[in-house]
Amino acid sequence: MLEGKGMVKETDMPLKMQIQAMACASKALDLYDVHDCISIAAHIKKEFDKVYGMGWQCVVGFNFGCFFTHSPGTFIYFALETLNFLIYKGTSSDLSSLSVT
């Protein structure tokens, strides 16, 4: 498991889900090269789809901006080592919009 602490920048996820998100990101960093952001993001998305149901999205990178709509209680933006992670579940109703830079 990757050593070091994640720093949550913004979230509306329950604490247990936040911990799962950072543990999943740490596991992905153990499995893939830090520059292989697509594989890291795919690993996290698939894990969240399996554990919490389909519809999760994941963005991983060194620097990015975005604007998205998410289901309340399903959003986290955090840093781990040199990467930033954005995980959220989209939905077609009861939406919250947020921008992250």
PDB file of N, CA and C in Angstrom:
ATOM      1  N   MET A   1       0.853  -1.184   0.000  1.00  0.00           N
ATOM      2  CA  MET A   1       0.000   0.000   0.000  1.00  0.00           C
ATOM      3  C   MET A   1       0.893   1.239   0.000  1.00  0.00           C
ATOM      4  N   LEU A   2       0.508   2.218  -0.772  1.00  0.00           N
ATOM      5  CA  LEU A   2       1.252   3.461  -0.902  1.00  0.00           C
ATOM      6  C   LEU A   2       1.281   4.208   0.427  1.00  0.00           C
ATOM      7  N   GLU A   3       2.452   4.646   0.832  1.00  0.00           N
ATOM      8  CA  GLU A   3       2.574   5.418   2.065  1.00  0.00           C
ATOM      9  C   GLU A   3       2.210   6.878   1.800  1.00  0.00           C
ATOM     10  N   GLY A   4       1.750   7.558   2.802  1.00  0.00           N
ATOM     11  CA  GLY A   4       1.383   8.962   2.648  1.00  0.00           C
ATOM     12  C   GLY A   4      -0.111   9.146   2.831  1.00  0.00           C
ATOM     13  N   LYS A   5      -0.478  10.368   3.163  1.00  0.00           N
ATOM     14  CA  LYS A   5      -1.870  10.659   3.425  1.00  0.00           C
ATOM     15  C   LYS A   5      -2.482  11.415   2.268  1.00  0.00           C
ATOM     16  N   GLY A   6      -3.733  11.118   2.019  1.00  0.00           N
ATOM     17  CA  GLY A   6      -4.496  11.890   1.060  1.00  0.00           C
ATOM     18  C   GLY A   6      -5.002  13.150   1.714  1.00  0.00           C
ATOM     19  N   MET A   7      -5.175  14.193   0.911  1.00  0.00           N
ATOM     20  CA  MET A   7      -5.717  15.445   1.422  1.00  0.00           C
ATOM     21  C   MET A   7      -7.031  15.727   0.696  1.00  0.00           C
ATOM     22  N   VAL A   8      -8.134  15.658   1.421  1.00  0.00           N
ATOM     23  CA  VAL A   8      -9.436  15.953   0.842  1.00  0.00           C
ATOM     24  C   VAL A   8      -9.544  17.453   0.637  1.00  0.00           C
ATOM     25  N   LYS A   9      -9.827  17.841  -0.599  1.00  0.00           N
ATOM     26  CA  LYS A   9      -9.965  19.258  -0.932  1.00  0.00           C
ATOM     27  C   LYS A   9     -11.424  19.700  -0.837  1.00  0.00           C
ATOM     28  N   GLU A  10     -12.335  18.821  -1.258  1.00  0.00           N
ATOM     29  CA  GLU A  10     -13.760  19.115  -1.166  1.00  0.00           C
ATOM     30  C   GLU A  10     -14.521  17.800  -1.290  1.00  0.00           C
ATOM     31  N   THR A  11     -15.628  17.677  -0.565  1.00  0.00           N
ATOM     32  CA  THR A  11     -16.419  16.451  -0.618  1.00  0.00           C
ATOM     33  C   THR A  11     -17.800  16.669  -0.025  1.00  0.00           C
ATOM     34  N   ASP A  12     -18.738  15.836  -0.431  1.00  0.00           N
ATOM     35  CA  ASP A  12     -20.012  15.721   0.264  1.00  0.00           C
ATOM     36  C   ASP A  12     -20.323  14.244   0.535  1.00  0.00           C
ATOM     37  N   MET A  13     -19.301  13.393   0.384  1.00  0.00           N
ATOM     38  CA  MET A  13     -19.430  11.954   0.637  1.00  0.00           C
ATOM     39  C   MET A  13     -19.442  11.667   2.126  1.00  0.00           C
ATOM     40  N   PRO A  14     -20.133  10.599   2.528  1.00  0.00           N
ATOM     41  CA  PRO A  14     -19.995  10.123   3.910  1.00  0.00           C
ATOM     42  C   PRO A  14     -18.544   9.692   4.168  1.00  0.00           C
ATOM     43  N   LEU A  15     -18.126   9.789   5.405  1.00  0.00           N
ATOM     44  CA  LEU A  15     -16.738   9.494   5.776  1.00  0.00           C
ATOM     45  C   LEU A  15     -16.301   8.096   5.331  1.00  0.00           C
ATOM     46  N   LYS A  16     -17.136   7.094   5.518  1.00  0.00           N
ATOM     47  CA  LYS A  16     -16.769   5.722   5.135  1.00  0.00           C
ATOM     48  C   LYS A  16     -16.468   5.634   3.641  1.00  0.00           C
ATOM     49  N   MET A  17     -17.247   6.315   2.824  1.00  0.00           N
ATOM     50  CA  MET A  17     -17.033   6.303   1.382  1.00  0.00           C
ATOM     51  C   MET A  17     -15.763   7.078   1.014  1.00  0.00           C
ATOM     52  N   GLN A  18     -15.468   8.157   1.746  1.00  0.00           N
ATOM     53  CA  GLN A  18     -14.228   8.914   1.520  1.00  0.00           C
ATOM     54  C   GLN A  18     -13.017   8.025   1.760  1.00  0.00           C
ATOM     55  N   ILE A  19     -13.057   7.278   2.838  1.00  0.00           N
ATOM     56  CA  ILE A  19     -11.957   6.375   3.180  1.00  0.00           C
ATOM     57  C   ILE A  19     -11.800   5.315   2.090  1.00  0.00           C
ATOM     58  N   GLN A  20     -12.919   4.784   1.599  1.00  0.00           N
ATOM     59  CA  GLN A  20     -12.877   3.800   0.512  1.00  0.00           C
ATOM     60  C   GLN A  20     -12.270   4.404  -0.749  1.00  0.00           C
ATOM     61  N   ALA A  21     -12.626   5.664  -1.057  1.00  0.00           N
ATOM     62  CA  ALA A  21     -12.102   6.333  -2.254  1.00  0.00           C
ATOM     63  C   ALA A  21     -10.585   6.468  -2.175  1.00  0.00           C
ATOM     64  N   MET A  22     -10.077   6.905  -1.031  1.00  0.00           N
ATOM     65  CA  MET A  22      -8.632   7.075  -0.896  1.00  0.00           C
ATOM     66  C   MET A  22      -7.898   5.743  -0.860  1.00  0.00           C
ATOM     67  N   ALA A  23      -8.501   4.726  -0.248  1.00  0.00           N
ATOM     68  CA  ALA A  23      -7.883   3.390  -0.237  1.00  0.00           C
ATOM     69  C   ALA A  23      -7.845   2.807  -1.649  1.00  0.00           C
ATOM     70  N   CYS A  24      -8.911   3.019  -2.394  1.00  0.00           N
ATOM     71  CA  CYS A  24      -8.966   2.517  -3.771  1.00  0.00           C
ATOM     72  C   CYS A  24      -7.933   3.237  -4.648  1.00  0.00           C
ATOM     73  N   ALA A  25      -7.782   4.537  -4.460  1.00  0.00           N
ATOM     74  CA  ALA A  25      -6.780   5.302  -5.210  1.00  0.00           C
ATOM     75  C   ALA A  25      -5.371   4.830  -4.861  1.00  0.00           C
ATOM     76  N   SER A  26      -5.129   4.592  -3.584  1.00  0.00           N
ATOM     77  CA  SER A  26      -3.821   4.109  -3.147  1.00  0.00           C
ATOM     78  C   SER A  26      -3.512   2.742  -3.765  1.00  0.00           C
ATOM     79  N   LYS A  27      -4.499   1.863  -3.785  1.00  0.00           N
ATOM     80  CA  LYS A  27      -4.328   0.533  -4.397  1.00  0.00           C
ATOM     81  C   LYS A  27      -4.029   0.672  -5.890  1.00  0.00           C
ATOM     82  N   ALA A  28      -4.744   1.571  -6.581  1.00  0.00           N
ATOM     83  CA  ALA A  28      -4.511   1.786  -8.015  1.00  0.00           C
ATOM     84  C   ALA A  28      -3.094   2.288  -8.264  1.00  0.00           C
ATOM     85  N   LEU A  29      -2.589   3.147  -7.388  1.00  0.00           N
ATOM     86  CA  LEU A  29      -1.218   3.652  -7.532  1.00  0.00           C
ATOM     87  C   LEU A  29      -0.184   2.543  -7.288  1.00  0.00           C
ATOM     88  N   ASP A  30      -0.537   1.558  -6.493  1.00  0.00           N
ATOM     89  CA  ASP A  30       0.340   0.406  -6.316  1.00  0.00           C
ATOM     90  C   ASP A  30       0.373  -0.466  -7.571  1.00  0.00           C
ATOM     91  N   LEU A  31      -0.738  -0.499  -8.295  1.00  0.00           N
ATOM     92  CA  LEU A  31      -0.864  -1.373  -9.461  1.00  0.00           C
ATOM     93  C   LEU A  31      -0.358  -0.755 -10.762  1.00  0.00           C
ATOM     94  N   TYR A  32      -0.458   0.579 -10.897  1.00  0.00           N
ATOM     95  CA  TYR A  32      -0.159   1.247 -12.160  1.00  0.00           C
ATOM     96  C   TYR A  32       0.881   2.338 -11.970  1.00  0.00           C
ATOM     97  N   ASP A  33       1.608   2.642 -13.039  1.00  0.00           N
ATOM     98  CA  ASP A  33       2.561   3.742 -13.045  1.00  0.00           C
ATOM     99  C   ASP A  33       1.814   5.051 -12.783  1.00  0.00           C
ATOM    100  N   VAL A  34       2.412   5.957 -12.040  1.00  0.00           N
ATOM    101  CA  VAL A  34       1.777   7.216 -11.669  1.00  0.00           C
ATOM    102  C   VAL A  34       1.382   8.050 -12.890  1.00  0.00           C
ATOM    103  N   HIS A  35       2.030   7.839 -14.025  1.00  0.00           N
ATOM    104  CA  HIS A  35       1.707   8.584 -15.250  1.00  0.00           C
ATOM    105  C   HIS A  35       0.595   7.923 -16.062  1.00  0.00           C
ATOM    106  N   ASP A  36       0.157   6.745 -15.668  1.00  0.00           N
ATOM    107  CA  ASP A  36      -0.913   6.032 -16.372  1.00  0.00           C
ATOM    108  C   ASP A  36      -2.266   6.386 -15.745  1.00  0.00           C
ATOM    109  N   CYS A  37      -2.633   7.653 -15.877  1.00  0.00           N
ATOM    110  CA  CYS A  37      -3.838   8.177 -15.221  1.00  0.00           C
ATOM    111  C   CYS A  37      -5.113   7.497 -15.709  1.00  0.00           C
ATOM    112  N   ILE A  38      -5.160   7.076 -16.969  1.00  0.00           N
ATOM    113  CA  ILE A  38      -6.365   6.429 -17.498  1.00  0.00           C
ATOM    114  C   ILE A  38      -6.596   5.083 -16.808  1.00  0.00           C
ATOM    115  N   SER A  39      -5.546   4.295 -16.650  1.00  0.00           N
ATOM    116  CA  SER A  39      -5.689   2.999 -15.964  1.00  0.00           C
ATOM    117  C   SER A  39      -6.038   3.189 -14.498  1.00  0.00           C
ATOM    118  N   ILE A  40      -5.451   4.183 -13.860  1.00  0.00           N
ATOM    119  CA  ILE A  40      -5.755   4.469 -12.457  1.00  0.00           C
ATOM    120  C   ILE A  40      -7.230   4.844 -12.317  1.00  0.00           C
ATOM    121  N   ALA A  41      -7.703   5.760 -13.168  1.00  0.00           N
ATOM    122  CA  ALA A  41      -9.099   6.194 -13.125  1.00  0.00           C
ATOM    123  C   ALA A  41     -10.045   5.032 -13.420  1.00  0.00           C
ATOM    124  N   ALA A  42      -9.710   4.201 -14.403  1.00  0.00           N
ATOM    125  CA  ALA A  42     -10.555   3.056 -14.752  1.00  0.00           C
ATOM    126  C   ALA A  42     -10.659   2.080 -13.580  1.00  0.00           C
ATOM    127  N   HIS A  43      -9.548   1.838 -12.903  1.00  0.00           N
ATOM    128  CA  HIS A  43      -9.542   0.943 -11.747  1.00  0.00           C
ATOM    129  C   HIS A  43     -10.499   1.456 -10.659  1.00  0.00           C
ATOM    130  N   ILE A  44     -10.412   2.739 -10.349  1.00  0.00           N
ATOM    131  CA  ILE A  44     -11.255   3.331  -9.303  1.00  0.00           C
ATOM    132  C   ILE A  44     -12.723   3.293  -9.723  1.00  0.00           C
ATOM    133  N   LYS A  45     -13.020   3.685 -10.969  1.00  0.00           N
ATOM    134  CA  LYS A  45     -14.402   3.693 -11.457  1.00  0.00           C
ATOM    135  C   LYS A  45     -15.014   2.297 -11.374  1.00  0.00           C
ATOM    136  N   LYS A  46     -14.285   1.289 -11.834  1.00  0.00           N
ATOM    137  CA  LYS A  46     -14.806  -0.077 -11.814  1.00  0.00           C
ATOM    138  C   LYS A  46     -15.072  -0.553 -10.393  1.00  0.00           C
ATOM    139  N   GLU A  47     -14.176  -0.214  -9.474  1.00  0.00           N
ATOM    140  CA  GLU A  47     -14.361  -0.608  -8.074  1.00  0.00           C
ATOM    141  C   GLU A  47     -15.598   0.065  -7.479  1.00  0.00           C
ATOM    142  N   PHE A  48     -15.766   1.358  -7.733  1.00  0.00           N
ATOM    143  CA  PHE A  48     -16.937   2.069  -7.202  1.00  0.00           C
ATOM    144  C   PHE A  48     -18.227   1.572  -7.847  1.00  0.00           C
ATOM    145  N   ASP A  49     -18.207   1.268  -9.145  1.00  0.00           N
ATOM    146  CA  ASP A  49     -19.382   0.691  -9.799  1.00  0.00           C
ATOM    147  C   ASP A  49     -19.762  -0.638  -9.146  1.00  0.00           C
ATOM    148  N   LYS A  50     -18.755  -1.447  -8.820  1.00  0.00           N
ATOM    149  CA  LYS A  50     -18.992  -2.759  -8.209  1.00  0.00           C
ATOM    150  C   LYS A  50     -19.549  -2.622  -6.789  1.00  0.00           C
ATOM    151  N   VAL A  51     -18.977  -1.725  -6.006  1.00  0.00           N
ATOM    152  CA  VAL A  51     -19.349  -1.602  -4.601  1.00  0.00           C
ATOM    153  C   VAL A  51     -20.614  -0.761  -4.399  1.00  0.00           C
ATOM    154  N   TYR A  52     -20.760   0.332  -5.161  1.00  0.00           N
ATOM    155  CA  TYR A  52     -21.837   1.301  -4.917  1.00  0.00           C
ATOM    156  C   TYR A  52     -22.847   1.407  -6.055  1.00  0.00           C
ATOM    157  N   GLY A  53     -22.777   0.534  -7.047  1.00  0.00           N
ATOM    158  CA  GLY A  53     -23.719   0.583  -8.162  1.00  0.00           C
ATOM    159  C   GLY A  53     -23.153   1.376  -9.329  1.00  0.00           C
ATOM    160  N   MET A  54     -23.715   1.144 -10.504  1.00  0.00           N
ATOM    161  CA  MET A  54     -23.216   1.752 -11.743  1.00  0.00           C
ATOM    162  C   MET A  54     -23.425   3.270 -11.771  1.00  0.00           C
ATOM    163  N   GLY A  55     -22.630   3.930 -12.621  1.00  0.00           N
ATOM    164  CA  GLY A  55     -22.803   5.362 -12.857  1.00  0.00           C
ATOM    165  C   GLY A  55     -21.703   6.245 -12.317  1.00  0.00           C
ATOM    166  N   TRP A  56     -20.635   5.664 -11.767  1.00  0.00           N
ATOM    167  CA  TRP A  56     -19.543   6.456 -11.207  1.00  0.00           C
ATOM    168  C   TRP A  56     -18.621   6.981 -12.299  1.00  0.00           C
ATOM    169  N   GLN A  57     -18.044   8.135 -12.050  1.00  0.00           N
ATOM    170  CA  GLN A  57     -17.066   8.753 -12.941  1.00  0.00           C
ATOM    171  C   GLN A  57     -15.812   9.046 -12.124  1.00  0.00           C
ATOM    172  N   CYS A  58     -14.661   8.987 -12.779  1.00  0.00           N
ATOM    173  CA  CYS A  58     -13.398   9.249 -12.089  1.00  0.00           C
ATOM    174  C   CYS A  58     -12.457   9.992 -13.029  1.00  0.00           C
ATOM    175  N   VAL A  59     -11.874  11.067 -12.524  1.00  0.00           N
ATOM    176  CA  VAL A  59     -10.880  11.844 -13.251  1.00  0.00           C
ATOM    177  C   VAL A  59      -9.619  11.856 -12.396  1.00  0.00           C
ATOM    178  N   VAL A  60      -8.487  11.557 -13.020  1.00  0.00           N
ATOM    179  CA  VAL A  60      -7.210  11.513 -12.313  1.00  0.00           C
ATOM    180  C   VAL A  60      -6.190  12.289 -13.134  1.00  0.00           C
ATOM    181  N   GLY A  61      -5.422  13.149 -12.479  1.00  0.00           N
ATOM    182  CA  GLY A  61      -4.387  13.866 -13.205  1.00  0.00           C
ATOM    183  C   GLY A  61      -3.590  14.781 -12.297  1.00  0.00           C
ATOM    184  N   PHE A  62      -2.587  15.382 -12.906  1.00  0.00           N
ATOM    185  CA  PHE A  62      -1.714  16.296 -12.175  1.00  0.00           C
ATOM    186  C   PHE A  62      -2.336  17.691 -12.080  1.00  0.00           C
ATOM    187  N   ASN A  63      -3.085  18.074 -13.101  1.00  0.00           N
ATOM    188  CA  ASN A  63      -3.686  19.400 -13.133  1.00  0.00           C
ATOM    189  C   ASN A  63      -4.867  19.362 -14.101  1.00  0.00           C
ATOM    190  N   PHE A  64      -6.051  19.677 -13.613  1.00  0.00           N
ATOM    191  CA  PHE A  64      -7.219  19.705 -14.480  1.00  0.00           C
ATOM    192  C   PHE A  64      -8.278  20.616 -13.877  1.00  0.00           C
ATOM    193  N   GLY A  65      -9.159  21.078 -14.715  1.00  0.00           N
ATOM    194  CA  GLY A  65     -10.327  21.830 -14.292  1.00  0.00           C
ATOM    195  C   GLY A  65     -11.556  21.134 -14.835  1.00  0.00           C
ATOM    196  N   CYS A  66     -12.670  21.285 -14.167  1.00  0.00           N
ATOM    197  CA  CYS A  66     -13.883  20.632 -14.652  1.00  0.00           C
ATOM    198  C   CYS A  66     -15.116  21.305 -14.064  1.00  0.00           C
ATOM    199  N   PHE A  67     -16.240  21.030 -14.678  1.00  0.00           N
ATOM    200  CA  PHE A  67     -17.545  21.447 -14.186  1.00  0.00           C
ATOM    201  C   PHE A  67     -18.469  20.277 -14.439  1.00  0.00           C
ATOM    202  N   PHE A  68     -19.161  19.802 -13.423  1.00  0.00           N
ATOM    203  CA  PHE A  68     -19.945  18.581 -13.561  1.00  0.00           C
ATOM    204  C   PHE A  68     -21.171  18.625 -12.668  1.00  0.00           C
ATOM    205  N   THR A  69     -22.080  17.720 -12.929  1.00  0.00           N
ATOM    206  CA  THR A  69     -23.283  17.556 -12.122  1.00  0.00           C
ATOM    207  C   THR A  69     -23.196  16.190 -11.457  1.00  0.00           C
ATOM    208  N   HIS A  70     -23.520  16.153 -10.164  1.00  0.00           N
ATOM    209  CA  HIS A  70     -23.402  14.885  -9.435  1.00  0.00           C
ATOM    210  C   HIS A  70     -24.598  14.663  -8.526  1.00  0.00           C
ATOM    211  N   SER A  71     -24.775  13.430  -8.175  1.00  0.00           N
ATOM    212  CA  SER A  71     -25.795  13.058  -7.208  1.00  0.00           C
ATOM    213  C   SER A  71     -25.310  13.459  -5.815  1.00  0.00           C
ATOM    214  N   PRO A  72     -26.148  14.103  -5.008  1.00  0.00           N
ATOM    215  CA  PRO A  72     -25.718  14.523  -3.658  1.00  0.00           C
ATOM    216  C   PRO A  72     -25.189  13.351  -2.836  1.00  0.00           C
ATOM    217  N   GLY A  73     -24.090  13.606  -2.119  1.00  0.00           N
ATOM    218  CA  GLY A  73     -23.492  12.593  -1.257  1.00  0.00           C
ATOM    219  C   GLY A  73     -22.541  11.645  -1.963  1.00  0.00           C
ATOM    220  N   THR A  74     -22.167  11.980  -3.217  1.00  0.00           N
ATOM    221  CA  THR A  74     -21.327  11.049  -3.984  1.00  0.00           C
ATOM    222  C   THR A  74     -20.088  11.703  -4.578  1.00  0.00           C
ATOM    223  N   PHE A  75     -19.683  12.833  -4.059  1.00  0.00           N
ATOM    224  CA  PHE A  75     -18.587  13.594  -4.660  1.00  0.00           C
ATOM    225  C   PHE A  75     -17.396  13.702  -3.714  1.00  0.00           C
ATOM    226  N   ILE A  76     -16.198  13.475  -4.267  1.00  0.00           N
ATOM    227  CA  ILE A  76     -14.966  13.743  -3.522  1.00  0.00           C
ATOM    228  C   ILE A  76     -13.887  14.211  -4.488  1.00  0.00           C
ATOM    229  N   TYR A  77     -13.137  15.201  -4.044  1.00  0.00           N
ATOM    230  CA  TYR A  77     -11.976  15.713  -4.774  1.00  0.00           C
ATOM    231  C   TYR A  77     -10.830  15.728  -3.781  1.00  0.00           C
ATOM    232  N   PHE A  78      -9.768  14.953  -4.063  1.00  0.00           N
ATOM    233  CA  PHE A  78      -8.662  14.854  -3.115  1.00  0.00           C
ATOM    234  C   PHE A  78      -7.335  14.696  -3.840  1.00  0.00           C
ATOM    235  N   ALA A  79      -6.265  14.937  -3.111  1.00  0.00           N
ATOM    236  CA  ALA A  79      -4.907  14.754  -3.619  1.00  0.00           C
ATOM    237  C   ALA A  79      -4.270  13.598  -2.867  1.00  0.00           C
ATOM    238  N   LEU A  80      -3.500  12.824  -3.602  1.00  0.00           N
ATOM    239  CA  LEU A  80      -2.729  11.731  -3.019  1.00  0.00           C
ATOM    240  C   LEU A  80      -1.401  11.698  -3.755  1.00  0.00           C
ATOM    241  N   GLU A  81      -0.331  11.868  -2.993  1.00  0.00           N
ATOM    242  CA  GLU A  81       0.996  12.011  -3.590  1.00  0.00           C
ATOM    243  C   GLU A  81       0.970  13.178  -4.577  1.00  0.00           C
ATOM    244  N   THR A  82       1.317  12.971  -5.840  1.00  0.00           N
ATOM    245  CA  THR A  82       1.384  14.077  -6.808  1.00  0.00           C
ATOM    246  C   THR A  82       0.126  14.197  -7.669  1.00  0.00           C
ATOM    247  N   LEU A  83      -0.849  13.315  -7.469  1.00  0.00           N
ATOM    248  CA  LEU A  83      -2.046  13.301  -8.314  1.00  0.00           C
ATOM    249  C   LEU A  83      -3.269  13.862  -7.599  1.00  0.00           C
ATOM    250  N   ASN A  84      -4.191  14.386  -8.399  1.00  0.00           N
ATOM    251  CA  ASN A  84      -5.504  14.808  -7.918  1.00  0.00           C
ATOM    252  C   ASN A  84      -6.531  13.811  -8.420  1.00  0.00           C
ATOM    253  N   PHE A  85      -7.534  13.542  -7.599  1.00  0.00           N
ATOM    254  CA  PHE A  85      -8.572  12.564  -7.896  1.00  0.00           C
ATOM    255  C   PHE A  85      -9.940  13.210  -7.732  1.00  0.00           C
ATOM    256  N   LEU A  86     -10.786  13.017  -8.710  1.00  0.00           N
ATOM    257  CA  LEU A  86     -12.169  13.472  -8.665  1.00  0.00           C
ATOM    258  C   LEU A  86     -13.039  12.253  -8.915  1.00  0.00           C
ATOM    259  N   ILE A  87     -13.889  11.924  -7.955  1.00  0.00           N
ATOM    260  CA  ILE A  87     -14.786  10.781  -8.075  1.00  0.00           C
ATOM    261  C   ILE A  87     -16.189  11.279  -7.762  1.00  0.00           C
ATOM    262  N   TYR A  88     -17.142  10.919  -8.612  1.00  0.00           N
ATOM    263  CA  TYR A  88     -18.528  11.320  -8.379  1.00  0.00           C
ATOM    264  C   TYR A  88     -19.467  10.397  -9.129  1.00  0.00           C
ATOM    265  N   LYS A  89     -20.720  10.415  -8.713  1.00  0.00           N
ATOM    266  CA  LYS A  89     -21.747   9.639  -9.394  1.00  0.00           C
ATOM    267  C   LYS A  89     -22.722  10.619 -10.023  1.00  0.00           C
ATOM    268  N   GLY A  90     -22.897  10.505 -11.322  1.00  0.00           N
ATOM    269  CA  GLY A  90     -23.841  11.351 -12.035  1.00  0.00           C
ATOM    270  C   GLY A  90     -25.248  10.791 -11.931  1.00  0.00           C
ATOM    271  N   THR A  91     -26.231  11.664 -12.117  1.00  0.00           N
ATOM    272  CA  THR A  91     -27.629  11.244 -12.098  1.00  0.00           C
ATOM    273  C   THR A  91     -28.442  12.219 -12.918  1.00  0.00           C
ATOM    274  N   SER A  92     -29.641  11.818 -13.289  1.00  0.00           N
ATOM    275  CA  SER A  92     -30.480  12.676 -14.123  1.00  0.00           C
ATOM    276  C   SER A  92     -31.497  13.472 -13.322  1.00  0.00           C
ATOM    277  N   SER A  93     -31.598  13.220 -12.012  1.00  0.00           N
ATOM    278  CA  SER A  93     -32.530  13.991 -11.189  1.00  0.00           C
ATOM    279  C   SER A  93     -31.898  14.291  -9.839  1.00  0.00           C
ATOM    280  N   ASP A  94     -32.427  15.298  -9.141  1.00  0.00           N
ATOM    281  CA  ASP A  94     -31.916  15.696  -7.828  1.00  0.00           C
ATOM    282  C   ASP A  94     -30.426  16.017  -7.912  1.00  0.00           C
ATOM    283  N   LEU A  95     -30.082  16.940  -8.804  1.00  0.00           N
ATOM    284  CA  LEU A  95     -28.696  17.218  -9.160  1.00  0.00           C
ATOM    285  C   LEU A  95     -28.068  18.332  -8.334  1.00  0.00           C
ATOM    286  N   SER A  96     -26.769  18.232  -8.169  1.00  0.00           N
ATOM    287  CA  SER A  96     -25.934  19.300  -7.609  1.00  0.00           C
ATOM    288  C   SER A  96     -24.833  19.577  -8.621  1.00  0.00           C
ATOM    289  N   SER A  97     -24.556  20.833  -8.901  1.00  0.00           N
ATOM    290  CA  SER A  97     -23.484  21.198  -9.833  1.00  0.00           C
ATOM    291  C   SER A  97     -22.315  21.758  -9.057  1.00  0.00           C
ATOM    292  N   LEU A  98     -21.107  21.505  -9.547  1.00  0.00           N
ATOM    293  CA  LEU A  98     -19.905  21.961  -8.870  1.00  0.00           C
ATOM    294  C   LEU A  98     -18.794  22.123  -9.876  1.00  0.00           C
ATOM    295  N   SER A  99     -17.981  23.137  -9.673  1.00  0.00           N
ATOM    296  CA  SER A  99     -16.786  23.287 -10.502  1.00  0.00           C
ATOM    297  C   SER A  99     -15.569  23.052  -9.622  1.00  0.00           C
ATOM    298  N   VAL A 100     -14.546  22.434 -10.188  1.00  0.00           N
ATOM    299  CA  VAL A 100     -13.302  22.139  -9.479  1.00  0.00           C
ATOM    300  C   VAL A 100     -12.158  22.605 -10.349  1.00  0.00           C
ATOM    301  N   THR A 101     -11.230  23.360  -9.767  1.00  0.00           N
ATOM    302  CA  THR A 101     -10.050  23.784 -10.506  1.00  0.00           C
ATOM    303  C   THR A 101      -8.813  23.531  -9.692  1.00  0.00           C
TER     304      THR A 101
END
